[in-house]
Amino acid sequence: GYFISVLRERIANFTAPPLPTDGAAVA
């Protein structure tokens, strides 16, 4: 129960790391 609650909280609030700002990452 503790594991699933932590997992669902992580999925609900997950934000990907910021992308690099160079031209190669525009796509």
PDB file of all heavy atoms in Angstrom:
ATOM      1  N   GLY A   1       0.817  -1.208   0.000  1.00  0.00           N
ATOM      2  CA  GLY A   1       0.000   0.000   0.000  1.00  0.00           C
ATOM      3  C   GLY A   1       0.849   1.257   0.000  1.00  0.00           C
ATOM      4  O   GLY A   1       0.554   2.228  -0.719  1.00  0.00           O
ATOM      5  N   TYR A   2       1.927   1.234   0.790  1.00  0.00           N
ATOM      6  CA  TYR A   2       2.828   2.395   0.828  1.00  0.00           C
ATOM      7  C   TYR A   2       3.527   2.587  -0.515  1.00  0.00           C
ATOM      8  O   TYR A   2       3.627   3.704  -1.030  1.00  0.00           O
ATOM      9  CB  TYR A   2       3.853   2.188   1.944  1.00  0.00           C
ATOM     10  CG  TYR A   2       4.897   3.266   2.030  1.00  0.00           C
ATOM     11  CD1 TYR A   2       4.582   4.516   2.544  1.00  0.00           C
ATOM     12  CD2 TYR A   2       6.202   3.039   1.601  1.00  0.00           C
ATOM     13  CE1 TYR A   2       5.541   5.514   2.630  1.00  0.00           C
ATOM     14  CE2 TYR A   2       7.162   4.030   1.680  1.00  0.00           C
ATOM     15  CZ  TYR A   2       6.820   5.266   2.196  1.00  0.00           C
ATOM     16  OH  TYR A   2       7.769   6.245   2.262  1.00  0.00           O
ATOM     17  N   PHE A   3       3.978   1.491  -1.108  1.00  0.00           N
ATOM     18  CA  PHE A   3       4.677   1.570  -2.393  1.00  0.00           C
ATOM     19  C   PHE A   3       3.758   2.139  -3.477  1.00  0.00           C
ATOM     20  O   PHE A   3       4.153   3.028  -4.240  1.00  0.00           O
ATOM     21  CB  PHE A   3       5.178   0.177  -2.798  1.00  0.00           C
ATOM     22  CG  PHE A   3       5.837   0.126  -4.149  1.00  0.00           C
ATOM     23  CD1 PHE A   3       7.180   0.410  -4.282  1.00  0.00           C
ATOM     24  CD2 PHE A   3       5.105  -0.198  -5.288  1.00  0.00           C
ATOM     25  CE1 PHE A   3       7.790   0.370  -5.521  1.00  0.00           C
ATOM     26  CE2 PHE A   3       5.712  -0.245  -6.528  1.00  0.00           C
ATOM     27  CZ  PHE A   3       7.050   0.047  -6.643  1.00  0.00           C
ATOM     28  N   ILE A   4       2.536   1.638  -3.568  1.00  0.00           N
ATOM     29  CA  ILE A   4       1.622   2.090  -4.618  1.00  0.00           C
ATOM     30  C   ILE A   4       1.250   3.557  -4.414  1.00  0.00           C
ATOM     31  O   ILE A   4       1.138   4.320  -5.381  1.00  0.00           O
ATOM     32  CB  ILE A   4       0.371   1.192  -4.638  1.00  0.00           C
ATOM     33  CG1 ILE A   4       0.753  -0.218  -5.102  1.00  0.00           C
ATOM     34  CG2 ILE A   4      -0.704   1.770  -5.549  1.00  0.00           C
ATOM     35  CD1 ILE A   4      -0.383  -1.204  -5.074  1.00  0.00           C
ATOM     36  N   SER A   5       1.069   3.983  -3.169  1.00  0.00           N
ATOM     37  CA  SER A   5       0.738   5.395  -2.929  1.00  0.00           C
ATOM     38  C   SER A   5       1.875   6.310  -3.339  1.00  0.00           C
ATOM     39  O   SER A   5       1.653   7.366  -3.948  1.00  0.00           O
ATOM     40  CB  SER A   5       0.382   5.596  -1.454  1.00  0.00           C
ATOM     41  OG  SER A   5       1.512   5.353  -0.619  1.00  0.00           O
ATOM     42  N   VAL A   6       3.119   5.904  -3.042  1.00  0.00           N
ATOM     43  CA  VAL A   6       4.270   6.710  -3.451  1.00  0.00           C
ATOM     44  C   VAL A   6       4.393   6.728  -4.970  1.00  0.00           C
ATOM     45  O   VAL A   6       4.682   7.762  -5.587  1.00  0.00           O
ATOM     46  CB  VAL A   6       5.562   6.161  -2.806  1.00  0.00           C
ATOM     47  CG1 VAL A   6       6.793   6.872  -3.365  1.00  0.00           C
ATOM     48  CG2 VAL A   6       5.513   6.331  -1.301  1.00  0.00           C
ATOM     49  N   LEU A   7       4.147   5.575  -5.611  1.00  0.00           N
ATOM     50  CA  LEU A   7       4.249   5.492  -7.066  1.00  0.00           C
ATOM     51  C   LEU A   7       3.199   6.380  -7.739  1.00  0.00           C
ATOM     52  O   LEU A   7       3.513   7.117  -8.690  1.00  0.00           O
ATOM     53  CB  LEU A   7       4.085   4.041  -7.508  1.00  0.00           C
ATOM     54  CG  LEU A   7       4.118   3.779  -9.017  1.00  0.00           C
ATOM     55  CD1 LEU A   7       5.430   4.243  -9.618  1.00  0.00           C
ATOM     56  CD2 LEU A   7       3.881   2.299  -9.307  1.00  0.00           C
ATOM     57  N   ARG A   8       1.962   6.322  -7.274  1.00  0.00           N
ATOM     58  CA  ARG A   8       0.914   7.143  -7.875  1.00  0.00           C
ATOM     59  C   ARG A   8       1.177   8.634  -7.661  1.00  0.00           C
ATOM     60  O   ARG A   8       0.894   9.455  -8.540  1.00  0.00           O
ATOM     61  CB  ARG A   8      -0.444   6.746  -7.292  1.00  0.00           C
ATOM     62  CG  ARG A   8      -0.964   5.421  -7.865  1.00  0.00           C
ATOM     63  CD  ARG A   8      -2.238   4.967  -7.193  1.00  0.00           C
ATOM     64  NE  ARG A   8      -2.815   3.816  -7.900  1.00  0.00           N
ATOM     65  CZ  ARG A   8      -3.717   3.000  -7.378  1.00  0.00           C
ATOM     66  NH1 ARG A   8      -4.161   3.213  -6.144  1.00  0.00           N
ATOM     67  NH2 ARG A   8      -4.190   1.986  -8.080  1.00  0.00           N
ATOM     68  N   GLU A   9       1.709   8.982  -6.510  1.00  0.00           N
ATOM     69  CA  GLU A   9       2.044  10.383  -6.273  1.00  0.00           C
ATOM     70  C   GLU A   9       3.140  10.863  -7.215  1.00  0.00           C
ATOM     71  O   GLU A   9       3.096  11.989  -7.733  1.00  0.00           O
ATOM     72  CB  GLU A   9       2.469  10.563  -4.811  1.00  0.00           C
ATOM     73  CG  GLU A   9       2.697  11.995  -4.376  1.00  0.00           C
ATOM     74  CD  GLU A   9       4.095  12.504  -4.682  1.00  0.00           C
ATOM     75  OE1 GLU A   9       5.012  11.651  -4.827  1.00  0.00           O
ATOM     76  OE2 GLU A   9       4.281  13.726  -4.783  1.00  0.00           O
ATOM     77  N   ARG A  10       4.113   9.987  -7.469  1.00  0.00           N
ATOM     78  CA  ARG A  10       5.202  10.344  -8.380  1.00  0.00           C
ATOM     79  C   ARG A  10       4.701  10.504  -9.808  1.00  0.00           C
ATOM     80  O   ARG A  10       5.074  11.458 -10.502  1.00  0.00           O
ATOM     81  CB  ARG A  10       6.295   9.271  -8.323  1.00  0.00           C
ATOM     82  CG  ARG A  10       7.498   9.537  -9.227  1.00  0.00           C
ATOM     83  CD  ARG A  10       8.171  10.828  -8.859  1.00  0.00           C
ATOM     84  NE  ARG A  10       9.404  11.018  -9.598  1.00  0.00           N
ATOM     85  CZ  ARG A  10      10.113  12.143  -9.589  1.00  0.00           C
ATOM     86  NH1 ARG A  10       9.708  13.180  -8.862  1.00  0.00           N
ATOM     87  NH2 ARG A  10      11.219  12.250 -10.287  1.00  0.00           N
ATOM     88  N   ILE A  11       3.847   9.597 -10.254  1.00  0.00           N
ATOM     89  CA  ILE A  11       3.301   9.674 -11.610  1.00  0.00           C
ATOM     90  C   ILE A  11       2.459  10.939 -11.772  1.00  0.00           C
ATOM     91  O   ILE A  11       2.509  11.621 -12.804  1.00  0.00           O
ATOM     92  CB  ILE A  11       2.462   8.424 -11.923  1.00  0.00           C
ATOM     93  CG1 ILE A  11       3.351   7.169 -11.894  1.00  0.00           C
ATOM     94  CG2 ILE A  11       1.783   8.553 -13.276  1.00  0.00           C
ATOM     95  CD1 ILE A  11       4.462   7.163 -12.900  1.00  0.00           C
ATOM     96  N   ALA A  12       1.670  11.275 -10.752  1.00  0.00           N
ATOM     97  CA  ALA A  12       0.774  12.428 -10.849  1.00  0.00           C
ATOM     98  C   ALA A  12       1.528  13.745 -10.875  1.00  0.00           C
ATOM     99  O   ALA A  12       1.015  14.736 -11.421  1.00  0.00           O
ATOM    100  CB  ALA A  12      -0.206  12.413  -9.680  1.00  0.00           C
ATOM    101  N   ASN A  13       2.732  13.791 -10.320  1.00  0.00           N
ATOM    102  CA  ASN A  13       3.465  15.060 -10.230  1.00  0.00           C
ATOM    103  C   ASN A  13       4.769  15.059 -11.015  1.00  0.00           C
ATOM    104  O   ASN A  13       5.577  15.974 -10.861  1.00  0.00           O
ATOM    105  CB  ASN A  13       3.773  15.381  -8.760  1.00  0.00           C
ATOM    106  CG  ASN A  13       2.526  15.565  -7.933  1.00  0.00           C
ATOM    107  OD1 ASN A  13       1.860  16.577  -8.001  1.00  0.00           O
ATOM    108  ND2 ASN A  13       2.200  14.553  -7.134  1.00  0.00           N
ATOM    109  N   PHE A  14       4.960  14.045 -11.848  1.00  0.00           N
ATOM    110  CA  PHE A  14       6.242  13.942 -12.551  1.00  0.00           C
ATOM    111  C   PHE A  14       6.373  15.028 -13.612  1.00  0.00           C
ATOM    112  O   PHE A  14       5.450  15.276 -14.390  1.00  0.00           O
ATOM    113  CB  PHE A  14       6.388  12.574 -13.208  1.00  0.00           C
ATOM    114  CG  PHE A  14       7.701  12.394 -13.918  1.00  0.00           C
ATOM    115  CD1 PHE A  14       8.839  12.074 -13.205  1.00  0.00           C
ATOM    116  CD2 PHE A  14       7.806  12.571 -15.293  1.00  0.00           C
ATOM    117  CE1 PHE A  14      10.048  11.911 -13.845  1.00  0.00           C
ATOM    118  CE2 PHE A  14       9.004  12.412 -15.938  1.00  0.00           C
ATOM    119  CZ  PHE A  14      10.134  12.083 -15.211  1.00  0.00           C
ATOM    120  N   THR A  15       7.526  15.661 -13.621  1.00  0.00           N
ATOM    121  CA  THR A  15       7.868  16.655 -14.629  1.00  0.00           C
ATOM    122  C   THR A  15       9.229  16.299 -15.197  1.00  0.00           C
ATOM    123  O   THR A  15      10.184  16.077 -14.444  1.00  0.00           O
ATOM    124  CB  THR A  15       7.911  18.070 -14.028  1.00  0.00           C
ATOM    125  OG1 THR A  15       6.621  18.371 -13.470  1.00  0.00           O
ATOM    126  CG2 THR A  15       8.231  19.106 -15.101  1.00  0.00           C
ATOM    127  N   ALA A  16       9.310  16.248 -16.515  1.00  0.00           N
ATOM    128  CA  ALA A  16      10.563  15.877 -17.159  1.00  0.00           C
ATOM    129  C   ALA A  16      11.619  16.937 -16.918  1.00  0.00           C
ATOM    130  O   ALA A  16      11.304  18.125 -16.762  1.00  0.00           O
ATOM    131  CB  ALA A  16      10.350  15.673 -18.654  1.00  0.00           C
ATOM    132  N   PRO A  17      12.905  16.560 -16.864  1.00  0.00           N
ATOM    133  CA  PRO A  17      13.976  17.540 -16.735  1.00  0.00           C
ATOM    134  C   PRO A  17      13.935  18.534 -17.883  1.00  0.00           C
ATOM    135  O   PRO A  17      13.485  18.212 -18.989  1.00  0.00           O
ATOM    136  CB  PRO A  17      15.259  16.680 -16.772  1.00  0.00           C
ATOM    137  CG  PRO A  17      14.803  15.304 -16.406  1.00  0.00           C
ATOM    138  CD  PRO A  17      13.406  15.181 -16.922  1.00  0.00           C
ATOM    139  N   PRO A  18      14.371  19.797 -17.652  1.00  0.00           N
ATOM    140  CA  PRO A  18      14.341  20.805 -18.726  1.00  0.00           C
ATOM    141  C   PRO A  18      15.223  20.413 -19.895  1.00  0.00           C
ATOM    142  O   PRO A  18      16.295  19.820 -19.717  1.00  0.00           O
ATOM    143  CB  PRO A  18      14.861  22.076 -18.033  1.00  0.00           C
ATOM    144  CG  PRO A  18      15.632  21.572 -16.842  1.00  0.00           C
ATOM    145  CD  PRO A  18      14.940  20.322 -16.403  1.00  0.00           C
ATOM    146  N   LEU A  19      14.750  20.715 -21.103  1.00  0.00           N
ATOM    147  CA  LEU A  19      15.494  20.390 -22.310  1.00  0.00           C
ATOM    148  C   LEU A  19      16.606  21.407 -22.540  1.00  0.00           C
ATOM    149  O   LEU A  19      16.501  22.570 -22.131  1.00  0.00           O
ATOM    150  CB  LEU A  19      14.556  20.383 -23.520  1.00  0.00           C
ATOM    151  CG  LEU A  19      13.444  19.326 -23.500  1.00  0.00           C
ATOM    152  CD1 LEU A  19      12.486  19.577 -24.650  1.00  0.00           C
ATOM    153  CD2 LEU A  19      14.027  17.940 -23.591  1.00  0.00           C
ATOM    154  N   PRO A  20      17.699  21.026 -23.218  1.00  0.00           N
ATOM    155  CA  PRO A  20      18.740  21.995 -23.583  1.00  0.00           C
ATOM    156  C   PRO A  20      18.181  23.044 -24.531  1.00  0.00           C
ATOM    157  O   PRO A  20      17.216  22.805 -25.261  1.00  0.00           O
ATOM    158  CB  PRO A  20      19.819  21.133 -24.250  1.00  0.00           C
ATOM    159  CG  PRO A  20      19.107  19.876 -24.655  1.00  0.00           C
ATOM    160  CD  PRO A  20      18.019  19.660 -23.653  1.00  0.00           C
ATOM    161  N   THR A  21      18.802  24.204 -24.546  1.00  0.00           N
ATOM    162  CA  THR A  21      18.275  25.331 -25.322  1.00  0.00           C
ATOM    163  C   THR A  21      18.953  25.510 -26.664  1.00  0.00           C
ATOM    164  O   THR A  21      18.670  26.477 -27.360  1.00  0.00           O
ATOM    165  CB  THR A  21      18.454  26.632 -24.519  1.00  0.00           C
ATOM    166  OG1 THR A  21      19.844  26.796 -24.180  1.00  0.00           O
ATOM    167  CG2 THR A  21      17.643  26.577 -23.232  1.00  0.00           C
ATOM    168  N   ASP A  22      19.839  24.593 -27.050  1.00  0.00           N
ATOM    169  CA  ASP A  22      20.503  24.748 -28.343  1.00  0.00           C
ATOM    170  C   ASP A  22      19.556  24.328 -29.463  1.00  0.00           C
ATOM    171  O   ASP A  22      18.495  23.772 -29.256  1.00  0.00           O
ATOM    172  CB  ASP A  22      21.804  23.929 -28.398  1.00  0.00           C
ATOM    173  CG  ASP A  22      21.544  22.454 -28.129  1.00  0.00           C
ATOM    174  OD1 ASP A  22      20.399  22.120 -27.776  1.00  0.00           O
ATOM    175  OD2 ASP A  22      22.475  21.656 -28.285  1.00  0.00           O
ATOM    176  N   GLY A  23      19.981  24.590 -30.696  1.00  0.00           N
ATOM    177  CA  GLY A  23      19.132  24.313 -31.854  1.00  0.00           C
ATOM    178  C   GLY A  23      18.839  22.854 -32.047  1.00  0.00           C
ATOM    179  O   GLY A  23      17.822  22.491 -32.616  1.00  0.00           O
ATOM    180  N   ALA A  24      19.707  21.980 -31.576  1.00  0.00           N
ATOM    181  CA  ALA A  24      19.500  20.545 -31.778  1.00  0.00           C
ATOM    182  C   ALA A  24      18.301  20.027 -31.020  1.00  0.00           C
ATOM    183  O   ALA A  24      17.773  18.967 -31.319  1.00  0.00           O
ATOM    184  CB  ALA A  24      20.746  19.769 -31.366  1.00  0.00           C
ATOM    185  N   ALA A  25      17.847  20.768 -30.001  1.00  0.00           N
ATOM    186  CA  ALA A  25      16.742  20.290 -29.180  1.00  0.00           C
ATOM    187  C   ALA A  25      15.418  20.930 -29.557  1.00  0.00           C
ATOM    188  O   ALA A  25      14.419  20.740 -28.865  1.00  0.00           O
ATOM    189  CB  ALA A  25      17.033  20.571 -27.701  1.00  0.00           C
ATOM    190  N   VAL A  26      15.378  21.698 -30.636  1.00  0.00           N
ATOM    191  CA  VAL A  26      14.136  22.356 -31.010  1.00  0.00           C
ATOM    192  C   VAL A  26      13.052  21.341 -31.309  1.00  0.00           C
ATOM    193  O   VAL A  26      11.893  21.485 -30.916  1.00  0.00           O
ATOM    194  CB  VAL A  26      14.369  23.269 -32.232  1.00  0.00           C
ATOM    195  CG1 VAL A  26      13.047  23.844 -32.719  1.00  0.00           C
ATOM    196  CG2 VAL A  26      15.328  24.391 -31.873  1.00  0.00           C
ATOM    197  N   ALA A  27      13.418  20.267 -32.009  1.00  0.00           N
ATOM    198  CA  ALA A  27      12.412  19.264 -32.382  1.00  0.00           C
ATOM    199  C   ALA A  27      11.831  18.562 -31.175  1.00  0.00           C
ATOM    200  O   ALA A  27      10.704  18.076 -31.218  1.00  0.00           O
ATOM    201  CB  ALA A  27      13.029  18.232 -33.316  1.00  0.00           C
TER     202      ALA A  27
END
